[in-house]
Amino acid sequence: MPKLTDAEITQFLAEPGLLMDIATLDGDGWPAVCPIWYIFEDGRVWFTPRQHSEWLSNIRRDARVALCIDEIIQPYRKVIVQGYAVIVHEVGEDDLWRDRYRRIAERYLDRSDANAYVDVTDDQPRALCSVSLADSEVKTWRMPVGKEAYQGIWAKRYWTGDAKAGKDAPDNFNAAV
C-alpha cells in the first residue's frame, strides 16, 4: 500500500482548496464530523472553530480528534490523523492570530476575497486550535502510480490468499494513473 513520505505529506497538506473533516466526540460519546478549512504550518494542522460551534464544545470536553484530508482526483491521496486538539488561543483572542486566519482563508479564496472575508467576519470570535502531527498517529495512502504493483492498492491484511490481483492484474493497470 503506497504511503506518503514526510515530504509528500507536507506538500499534500499545503495544497490549496482541500477541506479537512474533523471528527470529535459529542457529549453522548457519538462521533461528530464537520468539514472545515485548515492550514498546515510548523508541523501542526491549524483550524478556527467559531465560538458557538458544537465541535469546539466537544474539544473542550474531550480533546481527542480524528482529521481526514483527502482528494477526489487520482492518485486519491489521503492523510488521516488521530490525536489531541489543543486550544492555542481562546475565543476573543483573535487579534493575536489574525494573520494565520488570513493565511487559512487564502487557501480557499483569492487574496482580495480572503481579506474581505476576514475583515467582514472579524467581529465574530473564534478560537485557534491545532493538532501536532509529531504527537499523533498519522496514516497515509495513495493509489499506486506508474509501474507500482496493483497489489499495493490495499494493505496486505485486506487480501485473501487467492486474490486475482496477485496473479491476474494487468501489468499496465496504472499506466493512465
Protein backbone atom coordinates (compact mmCIF):
# COMPACT_ATOMS: atom_id res chain seq x y z
CA MET A 1 0.00 0.00 0.00
CA PRO A 2 1.75 3.21 -1.09
CA LYS A 3 2.26 5.62 1.79
CA LEU A 4 3.27 9.23 1.55
CA THR A 5 6.75 10.28 2.63
CA ASP A 6 7.12 13.13 5.12
CA ALA A 7 7.92 15.48 2.23
CA GLU A 8 4.85 14.27 0.30
CA ILE A 9 2.66 14.75 3.39
CA THR A 10 3.91 18.33 3.77
CA GLN A 11 3.35 19.06 0.08
CA PHE A 12 -0.11 17.47 0.04
CA LEU A 13 -1.32 19.26 3.18
CA ALA A 14 -0.13 22.58 1.71
CA GLU A 15 -2.18 22.23 -1.47
CA PRO A 16 -4.88 24.91 -1.60
CA GLY A 17 -8.56 24.12 -1.51
CA LEU A 18 -8.52 20.76 0.29
CA LEU A 19 -11.11 20.58 3.05
CA MET A 20 -10.45 18.72 6.26
CA ASP A 21 -13.04 16.61 8.02
CA ILE A 22 -12.66 16.83 11.77
CA ALA A 23 -14.27 14.19 13.96
CA THR A 24 -14.92 14.98 17.62
CA LEU A 25 -16.89 13.17 20.30
CA ASP A 26 -20.16 14.74 21.38
CA GLY A 27 -21.50 14.72 24.94
CA ASP A 28 -23.09 11.30 24.45
CA GLY A 29 -19.88 9.81 23.05
CA TRP A 30 -21.08 9.80 19.43
CA PRO A 31 -18.69 10.81 16.67
CA ALA A 32 -19.48 14.20 15.14
CA VAL A 33 -17.86 15.12 11.81
CA CYS A 34 -17.55 18.55 10.25
CA PRO A 35 -15.75 19.67 7.05
CA ILE A 36 -13.62 22.74 7.75
CA TRP A 37 -10.83 24.97 6.45
CA TYR A 38 -7.32 24.43 7.80
CA ILE A 39 -3.68 25.27 7.25
CA PHE A 40 -0.60 23.11 7.84
CA GLU A 41 2.26 25.11 9.37
CA ASP A 42 5.08 24.31 11.78
CA GLY A 43 4.24 20.60 11.79
CA ARG A 44 0.71 21.32 13.02
CA VAL A 45 -2.74 21.38 11.47
CA TRP A 46 -4.38 24.69 12.46
CA PHE A 47 -8.12 25.40 12.42
CA THR A 48 -10.51 28.00 13.77
CA PRO A 49 -13.82 26.98 15.34
CA ARG A 50 -16.36 29.74 15.88
CA GLN A 51 -17.29 30.45 19.48
CA HIS A 52 -20.60 28.55 19.34
CA SER A 53 -19.56 25.61 17.16
CA GLU A 54 -20.52 22.24 18.58
CA TRP A 55 -17.15 20.77 17.73
CA LEU A 56 -15.36 23.42 19.84
CA SER A 57 -17.55 22.37 22.78
CA ASN A 58 -16.66 18.77 22.01
CA ILE A 59 -12.91 19.58 22.00
CA ARG A 60 -13.27 21.38 25.35
CA ARG A 61 -14.86 18.25 26.83
CA ASP A 62 -12.62 15.66 25.12
CA ALA A 63 -9.59 16.77 23.10
CA ARG A 64 -9.39 13.53 21.08
CA VAL A 65 -9.96 14.20 17.40
CA ALA A 66 -9.57 12.50 14.07
CA LEU A 67 -8.70 14.51 10.98
CA CYS A 68 -9.11 13.38 7.39
CA ILE A 69 -7.70 15.32 4.47
CA ASP A 70 -8.18 13.66 1.09
CA GLU A 71 -8.69 14.42 -2.56
CA ILE A 72 -11.27 13.36 -5.11
CA ILE A 73 -8.89 13.07 -8.08
CA GLN A 74 -6.20 10.48 -8.70
CA PRO A 75 -3.97 9.43 -7.10
CA TYR A 76 -6.57 9.78 -4.30
CA ARG A 77 -4.09 10.74 -1.61
CA LYS A 78 -5.25 10.90 1.98
CA VAL A 79 -3.82 11.77 5.37
CA ILE A 80 -5.66 10.60 8.46
CA VAL A 81 -4.62 11.85 11.89
CA GLN A 82 -5.69 10.68 15.33
CA GLY A 83 -4.51 13.00 18.04
CA TYR A 84 -5.35 15.65 20.57
CA ALA A 85 -6.55 19.14 19.68
CA VAL A 86 -5.01 21.99 21.63
CA ILE A 87 -6.81 25.29 22.03
CA VAL A 88 -3.86 27.60 21.39
CA HIS A 89 -5.88 30.82 21.61
CA GLU A 90 -9.24 31.10 23.28
CA VAL A 91 -12.30 32.76 21.79
CA GLY A 92 -11.83 36.52 21.85
CA GLU A 93 -8.04 36.44 21.38
CA ASP A 94 -8.48 36.66 17.61
CA ASP A 95 -6.30 39.75 17.20
CA LEU A 96 -3.29 37.72 18.39
CA TRP A 97 -3.52 35.34 15.43
CA ARG A 98 -5.42 37.25 12.74
CA ASP A 99 -2.54 36.78 10.24
CA ARG A 100 -2.87 32.99 10.48
CA TYR A 101 -6.62 33.35 9.95
CA ARG A 102 -5.89 35.30 6.75
CA ARG A 103 -3.49 32.60 5.56
CA ILE A 104 -6.17 29.97 6.18
CA ALA A 105 -8.72 31.97 4.18
CA GLU A 106 -6.21 32.45 1.35
CA ARG A 107 -6.02 28.66 0.92
CA TYR A 108 -9.68 28.74 -0.16
CA LEU A 109 -10.24 32.19 -1.65
CA ASP A 110 -8.14 34.55 -3.74
CA ARG A 111 -6.26 37.14 -1.66
CA SER A 112 -8.73 40.02 -2.04
CA ASP A 113 -11.73 37.78 -1.30
CA ALA A 114 -9.90 36.21 1.65
CA ASN A 115 -9.12 39.62 3.09
CA ALA A 116 -12.71 40.75 2.59
CA TYR A 117 -13.98 37.56 4.24
CA VAL A 118 -11.70 38.02 7.27
CA ASP A 119 -12.48 41.73 7.55
CA VAL A 120 -16.24 41.17 7.41
CA THR A 121 -16.19 38.32 9.95
CA ASP A 122 -13.52 39.56 12.37
CA ASP A 123 -16.21 40.65 14.84
CA GLN A 124 -17.31 37.02 15.21
CA PRO A 125 -14.92 35.48 17.75
CA ARG A 126 -13.15 32.22 17.08
CA ALA A 127 -10.71 30.01 18.89
CA LEU A 128 -7.46 28.86 17.29
CA CYS A 129 -6.78 25.15 17.64
CA SER A 130 -4.08 22.84 16.37
CA VAL A 131 -3.06 19.22 16.23
CA SER A 132 0.61 18.27 16.14
CA LEU A 133 1.46 15.58 13.61
CA ALA A 134 4.54 14.56 15.61
CA ASP A 135 2.36 13.81 18.66
CA SER A 136 -0.35 11.99 16.71
CA GLU A 137 -0.91 8.76 14.85
CA VAL A 138 -0.70 9.60 11.16
CA LYS A 139 -1.81 7.22 8.41
CA THR A 140 -1.40 7.98 4.72
CA TRP A 141 -2.33 6.31 1.47
CA ARG A 142 -2.47 6.91 -2.25
CA MET A 143 -3.27 4.89 -5.33
CA PRO A 144 -0.32 3.12 -6.94
CA VAL A 145 1.10 5.21 -9.77
CA GLY A 146 3.24 4.47 -12.79
CA LYS A 147 4.61 0.93 -12.67
CA GLU A 148 3.86 0.34 -8.98
CA ALA A 149 2.25 -3.02 -8.26
CA TYR A 150 -1.53 -3.14 -8.39
CA GLN A 151 -1.45 -5.25 -5.23
CA GLY A 152 -0.24 -2.12 -3.48
CA ILE A 153 -3.68 -0.56 -3.71
CA TRP A 154 -4.71 -2.14 -0.39
CA ALA A 155 -2.93 -3.11 2.80
CA LYS A 156 -1.87 -6.78 2.79
CA ARG A 157 -4.35 -7.63 5.56
CA TYR A 158 -7.25 -6.99 3.16
CA TRP A 159 -6.23 -9.53 0.51
CA THR A 160 -7.25 -13.16 0.57
CA GLY A 161 -4.63 -15.69 -0.45
CA ASP A 162 -6.31 -16.42 -3.78
CA ALA A 163 -6.83 -12.78 -4.85
CA LYS A 164 -7.00 -12.26 -8.62
CA ALA A 165 -4.92 -9.10 -8.23
CA GLY A 166 -1.98 -11.25 -7.18
CA LYS A 167 -1.90 -13.23 -10.40
CA ASP A 168 -4.29 -11.71 -12.94
CA ALA A 169 -3.80 -7.93 -12.62
CA PRO A 170 -2.63 -6.43 -15.90
CA ASP A 171 0.93 -5.13 -15.87
CA ASN A 172 -0.16 -1.79 -17.29
CA PHE A 173 -3.14 -1.27 -14.99
CA ASN A 174 -1.75 2.02 -13.68
CA ALA A 175 -0.45 3.37 -16.99
CA ALA A 176 -3.18 6.02 -17.09
CA VAL A 177 -2.94 6.96 -13.41
